[in-house]
Amino acid sequence: MNTPHKPIHRSEKQIRALLHLQEKKNTPVISFCKAQKIHKATFYNWRNKYGLKIEKPQEFIPVHFSDPVSEANLFAEIELSPQVKVRLFEKVDASYFKALL
């Protein structure tokens, strides 16, 4: 008969060490959780609670306002990368940009 295993209680220091190890090795979460015998939901809960804050680079995003002569309805064009451009046809809230990043 298969008995469920008893959950291992880890200290905050141990949890932070595991999170740092996963980040340092850049291992996929699923395989890291299997190797450490951690449920993936537990891992994500730990990361949300104790994890290192992932900082997004604070880069300037060039905003190109359209020339009304060339495109009458275009309000602005934002180039996120050479391959990604966002074209706006009306004013939008700042939360819209946060959702894009």
PDB file of N, CA and C in Angstrom:
ATOM      1  N   MET A   1       0.839  -1.179   0.000  1.00  0.00           N
ATOM      2  CA  MET A   1       0.000   0.000   0.000  1.00  0.00           C
ATOM      3  C   MET A   1       0.884   1.243   0.000  1.00  0.00           C
ATOM      4  N   ASN A   2       0.503   2.205  -0.791  1.00  0.00           N
ATOM      5  CA  ASN A   2       1.264   3.438  -0.930  1.00  0.00           C
ATOM      6  C   ASN A   2       0.789   4.449   0.107  1.00  0.00           C
ATOM      7  N   THR A   3       1.653   4.866   0.983  1.00  0.00           N
ATOM      8  CA  THR A   3       1.276   5.860   1.989  1.00  0.00           C
ATOM      9  C   THR A   3       1.751   7.233   1.535  1.00  0.00           C
ATOM     10  N   PRO A   4       0.917   8.247   1.726  1.00  0.00           N
ATOM     11  CA  PRO A   4       1.343   9.588   1.316  1.00  0.00           C
ATOM     12  C   PRO A   4       2.517  10.045   2.185  1.00  0.00           C
ATOM     13  N   HIS A   5       3.454  10.777   1.569  1.00  0.00           N
ATOM     14  CA  HIS A   5       4.585  11.204   2.360  1.00  0.00           C
ATOM     15  C   HIS A   5       4.226  12.417   3.206  1.00  0.00           C
ATOM     16  N   LYS A   6       4.920  12.474   4.285  1.00  0.00           N
ATOM     17  CA  LYS A   6       4.725  13.551   5.230  1.00  0.00           C
ATOM     18  C   LYS A   6       5.390  14.807   4.662  1.00  0.00           C
ATOM     19  N   PRO A   7       4.709  15.936   4.670  1.00  0.00           N
ATOM     20  CA  PRO A   7       5.321  17.148   4.124  1.00  0.00           C
ATOM     21  C   PRO A   7       6.554  17.556   4.934  1.00  0.00           C
ATOM     22  N   ILE A   8       7.553  18.019   4.208  1.00  0.00           N
ATOM     23  CA  ILE A   8       8.781  18.485   4.851  1.00  0.00           C
ATOM     24  C   ILE A   8       8.599  19.963   5.165  1.00  0.00           C
ATOM     25  N   HIS A   9       8.800  20.332   6.397  1.00  0.00           N
ATOM     26  CA  HIS A   9       8.707  21.739   6.779  1.00  0.00           C
ATOM     27  C   HIS A   9      10.087  22.363   6.688  1.00  0.00           C
ATOM     28  N   ARG A  10      10.183  23.391   5.872  1.00  0.00           N
ATOM     29  CA  ARG A  10      11.461  24.054   5.666  1.00  0.00           C
ATOM     30  C   ARG A  10      11.418  25.447   6.266  1.00  0.00           C
ATOM     31  N   SER A  11      12.570  25.896   6.710  1.00  0.00           N
ATOM     32  CA  SER A  11      12.668  27.243   7.269  1.00  0.00           C
ATOM     33  C   SER A  11      12.689  28.255   6.122  1.00  0.00           C
ATOM     34  N   GLU A  12      12.485  29.505   6.473  1.00  0.00           N
ATOM     35  CA  GLU A  12      12.528  30.557   5.458  1.00  0.00           C
ATOM     36  C   GLU A  12      13.899  30.596   4.788  1.00  0.00           C
ATOM     37  N   LYS A  13      14.945  30.379   5.554  1.00  0.00           N
ATOM     38  CA  LYS A  13      16.306  30.382   5.015  1.00  0.00           C
ATOM     39  C   LYS A  13      16.484  29.258   3.993  1.00  0.00           C
ATOM     40  N   GLN A  14      15.949  28.081   4.294  1.00  0.00           N
ATOM     41  CA  GLN A  14      16.043  26.950   3.366  1.00  0.00           C
ATOM     42  C   GLN A  14      15.246  27.224   2.093  1.00  0.00           C
ATOM     43  N   ILE A  15      14.073  27.817   2.265  1.00  0.00           N
ATOM     44  CA  ILE A  15      13.230  28.132   1.106  1.00  0.00           C
ATOM     45  C   ILE A  15      13.933  29.135   0.202  1.00  0.00           C
ATOM     46  N   ARG A  16      14.491  30.182   0.804  1.00  0.00           N
ATOM     47  CA  ARG A  16      15.199  31.193   0.010  1.00  0.00           C
ATOM     48  C   ARG A  16      16.406  30.579  -0.709  1.00  0.00           C
ATOM     49  N   ALA A  17      17.081  29.653  -0.046  1.00  0.00           N
ATOM     50  CA  ALA A  17      18.225  28.972  -0.669  1.00  0.00           C
ATOM     51  C   ALA A  17      17.770  28.147  -1.877  1.00  0.00           C
ATOM     52  N   LEU A  18      16.646  27.460  -1.749  1.00  0.00           N
ATOM     53  CA  LEU A  18      16.119  26.685  -2.873  1.00  0.00           C
ATOM     54  C   LEU A  18      15.710  27.595  -4.038  1.00  0.00           C
ATOM     55  N   LEU A  19      15.055  28.690  -3.721  1.00  0.00           N
ATOM     56  CA  LEU A  19      14.645  29.632  -4.769  1.00  0.00           C
ATOM     57  C   LEU A  19      15.866  30.209  -5.479  1.00  0.00           C
ATOM     58  N   HIS A  20      16.891  30.526  -4.691  1.00  0.00           N
ATOM     59  CA  HIS A  20      18.119  31.068  -5.278  1.00  0.00           C
ATOM     60  C   HIS A  20      18.796  30.018  -6.152  1.00  0.00           C
ATOM     61  N   LEU A  21      18.803  28.775  -5.712  1.00  0.00           N
ATOM     62  CA  LEU A  21      19.402  27.686  -6.476  1.00  0.00           C
ATOM     63  C   LEU A  21      18.701  27.510  -7.820  1.00  0.00           C
ATOM     64  N   GLN A  22      17.381  27.532  -7.797  1.00  0.00           N
ATOM     65  CA  GLN A  22      16.621  27.376  -9.042  1.00  0.00           C
ATOM     66  C   GLN A  22      16.914  28.542  -9.986  1.00  0.00           C
ATOM     67  N   GLU A  23      16.976  29.747  -9.440  1.00  0.00           N
ATOM     68  CA  GLU A  23      17.240  30.914 -10.273  1.00  0.00           C
ATOM     69  C   GLU A  23      18.668  30.874 -10.829  1.00  0.00           C
ATOM     70  N   LYS A  24      19.622  30.478  -9.994  1.00  0.00           N
ATOM     71  CA  LYS A  24      21.031  30.436 -10.390  1.00  0.00           C
ATOM     72  C   LYS A  24      21.262  29.413 -11.498  1.00  0.00           C
ATOM     73  N   LYS A  25      20.653  28.225 -11.345  1.00  0.00           N
ATOM     74  CA  LYS A  25      20.824  27.173 -12.349  1.00  0.00           C
ATOM     75  C   LYS A  25      19.938  27.386 -13.567  1.00  0.00           C
ATOM     76  N   ASN A  26      18.949  28.276 -13.421  1.00  0.00           N
ATOM     77  CA  ASN A  26      18.002  28.558 -14.500  1.00  0.00           C
ATOM     78  C   ASN A  26      17.322  27.281 -14.982  1.00  0.00           C
ATOM     79  N   THR A  27      16.984  26.424 -14.027  1.00  0.00           N
ATOM     80  CA  THR A  27      16.325  25.149 -14.301  1.00  0.00           C
ATOM     81  C   THR A  27      14.830  25.387 -14.491  1.00  0.00           C
ATOM     82  N   PRO A  28      14.198  24.699 -15.419  1.00  0.00           N
ATOM     83  CA  PRO A  28      12.739  24.816 -15.525  1.00  0.00           C
ATOM     84  C   PRO A  28      12.081  24.410 -14.204  1.00  0.00           C
ATOM     85  N   VAL A  29      11.032  25.100 -13.845  1.00  0.00           N
ATOM     86  CA  VAL A  29      10.375  24.902 -12.551  1.00  0.00           C
ATOM     87  C   VAL A  29       9.924  23.459 -12.369  1.00  0.00           C
ATOM     88  N   ILE A  30       9.335  22.880 -13.378  1.00  0.00           N
ATOM     89  CA  ILE A  30       8.808  21.512 -13.268  1.00  0.00           C
ATOM     90  C   ILE A  30       9.915  20.527 -12.923  1.00  0.00           C
ATOM     91  N   SER A  31      11.020  20.568 -13.658  1.00  0.00           N
ATOM     92  CA  SER A  31      12.103  19.620 -13.392  1.00  0.00           C
ATOM     93  C   SER A  31      12.780  19.914 -12.052  1.00  0.00           C
ATOM     94  N   PHE A  32      12.897  21.185 -11.679  1.00  0.00           N
ATOM     95  CA  PHE A  32      13.477  21.531 -10.380  1.00  0.00           C
ATOM     96  C   PHE A  32      12.607  20.991  -9.251  1.00  0.00           C
ATOM     97  N   CYS A  33      11.297  21.145  -9.388  1.00  0.00           N
ATOM     98  CA  CYS A  33      10.372  20.663  -8.350  1.00  0.00           C
ATOM     99  C   CYS A  33      10.439  19.140  -8.220  1.00  0.00           C
ATOM    100  N   LYS A  34      10.541  18.434  -9.334  1.00  0.00           N
ATOM    101  CA  LYS A  34      10.648  16.977  -9.274  1.00  0.00           C
ATOM    102  C   LYS A  34      11.934  16.562  -8.575  1.00  0.00           C
ATOM    103  N   ALA A  35      13.037  17.248  -8.892  1.00  0.00           N
ATOM    104  CA  ALA A  35      14.323  16.905  -8.293  1.00  0.00           C
ATOM    105  C   ALA A  35      14.332  17.188  -6.788  1.00  0.00           C
ATOM    106  N   GLN A  36      13.655  18.251  -6.370  1.00  0.00           N
ATOM    107  CA  GLN A  36      13.639  18.643  -4.954  1.00  0.00           C
ATOM    108  C   GLN A  36      12.442  18.063  -4.197  1.00  0.00           C
ATOM    109  N   LYS A  37      11.579  17.336  -4.926  1.00  0.00           N
ATOM    110  CA  LYS A  37      10.362  16.750  -4.350  1.00  0.00           C
ATOM    111  C   LYS A  37       9.474  17.833  -3.716  1.00  0.00           C
ATOM    112  N   ILE A  38       9.218  18.846  -4.526  1.00  0.00           N
ATOM    113  CA  ILE A  38       8.360  19.959  -4.129  1.00  0.00           C
ATOM    114  C   ILE A  38       7.211  20.019  -5.128  1.00  0.00           C
ATOM    115  N   HIS A  39       6.024  20.240  -4.647  1.00  0.00           N
ATOM    116  CA  HIS A  39       4.894  20.428  -5.558  1.00  0.00           C
ATOM    117  C   HIS A  39       5.073  21.786  -6.226  1.00  0.00           C
ATOM    118  N   LYS A  40       4.746  21.864  -7.527  1.00  0.00           N
ATOM    119  CA  LYS A  40       4.978  23.124  -8.241  1.00  0.00           C
ATOM    120  C   LYS A  40       4.169  24.275  -7.652  1.00  0.00           C
ATOM    121  N   ALA A  41       2.969  23.998  -7.133  1.00  0.00           N
ATOM    122  CA  ALA A  41       2.177  25.058  -6.504  1.00  0.00           C
ATOM    123  C   ALA A  41       2.887  25.588  -5.256  1.00  0.00           C
ATOM    124  N   THR A  42       3.513  24.682  -4.515  1.00  0.00           N
ATOM    125  CA  THR A  42       4.276  25.090  -3.336  1.00  0.00           C
ATOM    126  C   THR A  42       5.434  25.983  -3.750  1.00  0.00           C
ATOM    127  N   PHE A  43       6.127  25.583  -4.823  1.00  0.00           N
ATOM    128  CA  PHE A  43       7.246  26.384  -5.316  1.00  0.00           C
ATOM    129  C   PHE A  43       6.785  27.789  -5.668  1.00  0.00           C
ATOM    130  N   TYR A  44       5.687  27.903  -6.418  1.00  0.00           N
ATOM    131  CA  TYR A  44       5.196  29.224  -6.823  1.00  0.00           C
ATOM    132  C   TYR A  44       4.735  30.036  -5.610  1.00  0.00           C
ATOM    133  N   ASN A  45       4.120  29.379  -4.634  1.00  0.00           N
ATOM    134  CA  ASN A  45       3.732  30.090  -3.411  1.00  0.00           C
ATOM    135  C   ASN A  45       4.961  30.620  -2.686  1.00  0.00           C
ATOM    136  N   TRP A  46       5.991  29.800  -2.597  1.00  0.00           N
ATOM    137  CA  TRP A  46       7.235  30.243  -1.960  1.00  0.00           C
ATOM    138  C   TRP A  46       7.828  31.416  -2.722  1.00  0.00           C
ATOM    139  N   ARG A  47       7.845  31.301  -4.039  1.00  0.00           N
ATOM    140  CA  ARG A  47       8.442  32.365  -4.846  1.00  0.00           C
ATOM    141  C   ARG A  47       7.685  33.672  -4.672  1.00  0.00           C
ATOM    142  N   ASN A  48       6.357  33.580  -4.586  1.00  0.00           N
ATOM    143  CA  ASN A  48       5.575  34.793  -4.378  1.00  0.00           C
ATOM    144  C   ASN A  48       5.808  35.392  -2.999  1.00  0.00           C
ATOM    145  N   LYS A  49       6.004  34.527  -2.013  1.00  0.00           N
ATOM    146  CA  LYS A  49       6.152  35.005  -0.644  1.00  0.00           C
ATOM    147  C   LYS A  49       7.587  35.400  -0.308  1.00  0.00           C
ATOM    148  N   TYR A  50       8.554  34.554  -0.669  1.00  0.00           N
ATOM    149  CA  TYR A  50       9.943  34.753  -0.255  1.00  0.00           C
ATOM    150  C   TYR A  50      10.897  35.104  -1.389  1.00  0.00           C
ATOM    151  N   GLY A  51      10.433  34.929  -2.596  1.00  0.00           N
ATOM    152  CA  GLY A  51      11.343  35.014  -3.736  1.00  0.00           C
ATOM    153  C   GLY A  51      11.973  36.367  -3.919  1.00  0.00           C
ATOM    154  N   LEU A  52      13.084  36.332  -4.622  1.00  0.00           N
ATOM    155  CA  LEU A  52      13.748  37.561  -4.978  1.00  0.00           C
ATOM    156  C   LEU A  52      12.878  38.286  -5.991  1.00  0.00           C
ATOM    157  N   LYS A  53      12.781  39.550  -5.813  1.00  0.00           N
ATOM    158  CA  LYS A  53      11.964  40.338  -6.724  1.00  0.00           C
ATOM    159  C   LYS A  53      12.663  40.416  -8.073  1.00  0.00           C
ATOM    160  N   ILE A  54      11.932  40.029  -9.097  1.00  0.00           N
ATOM    161  CA  ILE A  54      12.468  40.087 -10.447  1.00  0.00           C
ATOM    162  C   ILE A  54      12.271  41.508 -10.945  1.00  0.00           C
ATOM    163  N   GLU A  55      13.377  42.168 -11.186  1.00  0.00           N
ATOM    164  CA  GLU A  55      13.294  43.555 -11.614  1.00  0.00           C
ATOM    165  C   GLU A  55      13.311  43.626 -13.128  1.00  0.00           C
ATOM    166  N   LYS A  56      12.369  44.351 -13.653  1.00  0.00           N
ATOM    167  CA  LYS A  56      12.341  44.571 -15.084  1.00  0.00           C
ATOM    168  C   LYS A  56      13.257  45.754 -15.374  1.00  0.00           C
ATOM    169  N   PRO A  57      14.002  45.684 -16.454  1.00  0.00           N
ATOM    170  CA  PRO A  57      14.878  46.808 -16.765  1.00  0.00           C
ATOM    171  C   PRO A  57      14.058  48.068 -17.009  1.00  0.00           C
ATOM    172  N   GLN A  58      14.505  49.141 -16.420  1.00  0.00           N
ATOM    173  CA  GLN A  58      13.821  50.418 -16.579  1.00  0.00           C
ATOM    174  C   GLN A  58      14.416  51.125 -17.791  1.00  0.00           C
ATOM    175  N   GLU A  59      13.984  50.708 -18.944  1.00  0.00           N
ATOM    176  CA  GLU A  59      14.501  51.265 -20.177  1.00  0.00           C
ATOM    177  C   GLU A  59      13.536  52.312 -20.713  1.00  0.00           C
ATOM    178  N   PHE A  60      14.089  53.236 -21.405  1.00  0.00           N
ATOM    179  CA  PHE A  60      13.267  54.239 -22.070  1.00  0.00           C
ATOM    180  C   PHE A  60      12.607  53.602 -23.274  1.00  0.00           C
ATOM    181  N   ILE A  61      11.320  53.780 -23.378  1.00  0.00           N
ATOM    182  CA  ILE A  61      10.586  53.256 -24.530  1.00  0.00           C
ATOM    183  C   ILE A  61      10.295  54.428 -25.454  1.00  0.00           C
ATOM    184  N   PRO A  62      10.917  54.437 -26.612  1.00  0.00           N
ATOM    185  CA  PRO A  62      10.681  55.560 -27.510  1.00  0.00           C
ATOM    186  C   PRO A  62       9.230  55.567 -28.007  1.00  0.00           C
ATOM    187  N   VAL A  63       8.635  56.727 -27.962  1.00  0.00           N
ATOM    188  CA  VAL A  63       7.271  56.900 -28.434  1.00  0.00           C
ATOM    189  C   VAL A  63       7.335  57.790 -29.667  1.00  0.00           C
ATOM    190  N   HIS A  64       6.801  57.288 -30.740  1.00  0.00           N
ATOM    191  CA  HIS A  64       6.792  58.039 -31.989  1.00  0.00           C
ATOM    192  C   HIS A  64       5.365  58.464 -32.281  1.00  0.00           C
ATOM    193  N   PHE A  65       5.134  59.747 -32.238  1.00  0.00           N
ATOM    194  CA  PHE A  65       3.808  60.242 -32.564  1.00  0.00           C
ATOM    195  C   PHE A  65       3.687  60.306 -34.067  1.00  0.00           C
ATOM    196  N   SER A  66       2.537  59.893 -34.518  1.00  0.00           N
ATOM    197  CA  SER A  66       2.354  59.791 -35.961  1.00  0.00           C
ATOM    198  C   SER A  66       2.171  61.161 -36.592  1.00  0.00           C
ATOM    199  N   ASP A  67       2.491  61.177 -37.841  1.00  0.00           N
ATOM    200  CA  ASP A  67       2.257  62.361 -38.650  1.00  0.00           C
ATOM    201  C   ASP A  67       0.813  62.276 -39.138  1.00  0.00           C
ATOM    202  N   PRO A  68      -0.029  63.244 -38.768  1.00  0.00           N
ATOM    203  CA  PRO A  68      -1.444  63.142 -39.147  1.00  0.00           C
ATOM    204  C   PRO A  68      -1.676  63.062 -40.652  1.00  0.00           C
ATOM    205  N   VAL A  69      -0.704  63.510 -41.433  1.00  0.00           N
ATOM    206  CA  VAL A  69      -0.867  63.464 -42.877  1.00  0.00           C
ATOM    207  C   VAL A  69      -0.766  62.025 -43.380  1.00  0.00           C
ATOM    208  N   SER A  70       0.180  61.223 -42.827  1.00  0.00           N
ATOM    209  CA  SER A  70       0.404  59.880 -43.347  1.00  0.00           C
ATOM    210  C   SER A  70      -0.650  58.871 -42.894  1.00  0.00           C
ATOM    211  N   GLU A  71      -1.014  58.914 -41.620  1.00  0.00           N
ATOM    212  CA  GLU A  71      -2.018  57.977 -41.116  1.00  0.00           C
ATOM    213  C   GLU A  71      -2.989  58.751 -40.232  1.00  0.00           C
ATOM    214  N   ALA A  72      -4.136  59.026 -40.739  1.00  0.00           N
ATOM    215  CA  ALA A  72      -5.079  59.922 -40.086  1.00  0.00           C
ATOM    216  C   ALA A  72      -5.535  59.435 -38.711  1.00  0.00           C
ATOM    217  N   ASN A  73      -5.685  58.138 -38.504  1.00  0.00           N
ATOM    218  CA  ASN A  73      -6.249  57.641 -37.251  1.00  0.00           C
ATOM    219  C   ASN A  73      -5.204  57.199 -36.230  1.00  0.00           C
ATOM    220  N   LEU A  74      -3.943  57.138 -36.594  1.00  0.00           N
ATOM    221  CA  LEU A  74      -2.917  56.657 -35.682  1.00  0.00           C
ATOM    222  C   LEU A  74      -2.565  57.741 -34.677  1.00  0.00           C
ATOM    223  N   PHE A  75      -2.646  57.400 -33.393  1.00  0.00           N
ATOM    224  CA  PHE A  75      -2.327  58.356 -32.322  1.00  0.00           C
ATOM    225  C   PHE A  75      -0.851  58.286 -31.952  1.00  0.00           C
ATOM    226  N   ALA A  76      -0.322  57.073 -31.760  1.00  0.00           N
ATOM    227  CA  ALA A  76       1.085  56.905 -31.384  1.00  0.00           C
ATOM    228  C   ALA A  76       1.561  55.515 -31.775  1.00  0.00           C
ATOM    229  N   GLU A  77       2.868  55.399 -31.926  1.00  0.00           N
ATOM    230  CA  GLU A  77       3.489  54.112 -32.203  1.00  0.00           C
ATOM    231  C   GLU A  77       4.645  53.943 -31.223  1.00  0.00           C
ATOM    232  N   ILE A  78       4.663  52.808 -30.511  1.00  0.00           N
ATOM    233  CA  ILE A  78       5.682  52.547 -29.501  1.00  0.00           C
ATOM    234  C   ILE A  78       6.477  51.328 -29.938  1.00  0.00           C
ATOM    235  N   GLU A  79       7.784  51.481 -29.992  1.00  0.00           N
ATOM    236  CA  GLU A  79       8.647  50.379 -30.397  1.00  0.00           C
ATOM    237  C   GLU A  79       9.233  49.737 -29.148  1.00  0.00           C
ATOM    238  N   LEU A  80       8.738  48.519 -28.801  1.00  0.00           N
ATOM    239  CA  LEU A  80       9.228  47.797 -27.630  1.00  0.00           C
ATOM    240  C   LEU A  80      10.542  47.094 -27.928  1.00  0.00           C
ATOM    241  N   SER A  81      10.714  46.644 -29.136  1.00  0.00           N
ATOM    242  CA  SER A  81      11.950  46.034 -29.612  1.00  0.00           C
ATOM    243  C   SER A  81      11.924  46.187 -31.126  1.00  0.00           C
ATOM    244  N   PRO A  82      13.024  45.855 -31.791  1.00  0.00           N
ATOM    245  CA  PRO A  82      12.997  45.990 -33.256  1.00  0.00           C
ATOM    246  C   PRO A  82      11.886  45.166 -33.919  1.00  0.00           C
ATOM    247  N   GLN A  83      11.468  44.072 -33.264  1.00  0.00           N
ATOM    248  CA  GLN A  83      10.445  43.222 -33.856  1.00  0.00           C
ATOM    249  C   GLN A  83       9.033  43.561 -33.373  1.00  0.00           C
ATOM    250  N   VAL A  84       8.916  44.328 -32.274  1.00  0.00           N
ATOM    251  CA  VAL A  84       7.602  44.570 -31.675  1.00  0.00           C
ATOM    252  C   VAL A  84       7.298  46.057 -31.648  1.00  0.00           C
ATOM    253  N   LYS A  85       6.216  46.424 -32.306  1.00  0.00           N
ATOM    254  CA  LYS A  85       5.736  47.805 -32.286  1.00  0.00           C
ATOM    255  C   LYS A  85       4.280  47.796 -31.852  1.00  0.00           C
ATOM    256  N   VAL A  86       3.923  48.755 -31.023  1.00  0.00           N
ATOM    257  CA  VAL A  86       2.545  48.902 -30.578  1.00  0.00           C
ATOM    258  C   VAL A  86       1.999  50.177 -31.206  1.00  0.00           C
ATOM    259  N   ARG A  87       0.891  50.029 -31.897  1.00  0.00           N
ATOM    260  CA  ARG A  87       0.268  51.189 -32.534  1.00  0.00           C
ATOM    261  C   ARG A  87      -1.020  51.505 -31.791  1.00  0.00           C
ATOM    262  N   LEU A  88      -1.145  52.756 -31.387  1.00  0.00           N
ATOM    263  CA  LEU A  88      -2.333  53.207 -30.661  1.00  0.00           C
ATOM    264  C   LEU A  88      -3.132  54.144 -31.550  1.00  0.00           C
ATOM    265  N   PHE A  89      -4.424  53.961 -31.494  1.00  0.00           N
ATOM    266  CA  PHE A  89      -5.291  54.799 -32.303  1.00  0.00           C
ATOM    267  C   PHE A  89      -6.136  55.730 -31.451  1.00  0.00           C
ATOM    268  N   GLU A  90      -5.865  55.705 -30.138  1.00  0.00           N
ATOM    269  CA  GLU A  90      -6.520  56.637 -29.213  1.00  0.00           C
ATOM    270  C   GLU A  90      -5.713  56.677 -27.927  1.00  0.00           C
ATOM    271  N   LYS A  91      -6.007  57.639 -27.061  1.00  0.00           N
ATOM    272  CA  LYS A  91      -5.323  57.731 -25.778  1.00  0.00           C
ATOM    273  C   LYS A  91      -5.707  56.526 -24.928  1.00  0.00           C
ATOM    274  N   VAL A  92      -4.721  55.985 -24.187  1.00  0.00           N
ATOM    275  CA  VAL A  92      -4.978  54.844 -23.308  1.00  0.00           C
ATOM    276  C   VAL A  92      -4.415  55.139 -21.923  1.00  0.00           C
ATOM    277  N   ASP A  93      -4.917  54.416 -20.939  1.00  0.00           N
ATOM    278  CA  ASP A  93      -4.473  54.547 -19.552  1.00  0.00           C
ATOM    279  C   ASP A  93      -3.093  53.919 -19.387  1.00  0.00           C
ATOM    280  N   ALA A  94      -2.343  54.361 -18.393  1.00  0.00           N
ATOM    281  CA  ALA A  94      -0.995  53.817 -18.135  1.00  0.00           C
ATOM    282  C   ALA A  94      -1.044  52.336 -17.782  1.00  0.00           C
ATOM    283  N   SER A  95      -2.141  51.867 -17.201  1.00  0.00           N
ATOM    284  CA  SER A  95      -2.258  50.443 -16.845  1.00  0.00           C
ATOM    285  C   SER A  95      -2.213  49.565 -18.096  1.00  0.00           C
ATOM    286  N   TYR A  96      -2.607  50.106 -19.217  1.00  0.00           N
ATOM    287  CA  TYR A  96      -2.530  49.363 -20.482  1.00  0.00           C
ATOM    288  C   TYR A  96      -1.079  49.030 -20.812  1.00  0.00           C
ATOM    289  N   PHE A  97      -0.188  50.014 -20.618  1.00  0.00           N
ATOM    290  CA  PHE A  97       1.228  49.779 -20.889  1.00  0.00           C
ATOM    291  C   PHE A  97       1.826  48.792 -19.903  1.00  0.00           C
ATOM    292  N   LYS A  98       1.420  48.864 -18.645  1.00  0.00           N
ATOM    293  CA  LYS A  98       1.908  47.924 -17.641  1.00  0.00           C
ATOM    294  C   LYS A  98       1.521  46.492 -18.017  1.00  0.00           C
ATOM    295  N   ALA A  99       0.330  46.326 -18.567  1.00  0.00           N
ATOM    296  CA  ALA A  99      -0.130  44.994 -18.977  1.00  0.00           C
ATOM    297  C   ALA A  99       0.692  44.483 -20.162  1.00  0.00           C
ATOM    298  N   LEU A 100       1.170  45.369 -21.008  1.00  0.00           N
ATOM    299  CA  LEU A 100       1.967  44.959 -22.154  1.00  0.00           C
ATOM    300  C   LEU A 100       3.343  44.477 -21.735  1.00  0.00           C
ATOM    301  N   LEU A 101       3.887  45.095 -20.707  1.00  0.00           N
ATOM    302  CA  LEU A 101       5.241  44.728 -20.277  1.00  0.00           C
ATOM    303  C   LEU A 101       5.132  43.606 -19.323  1.00  0.00           C
TER     304      LEU A 101
END
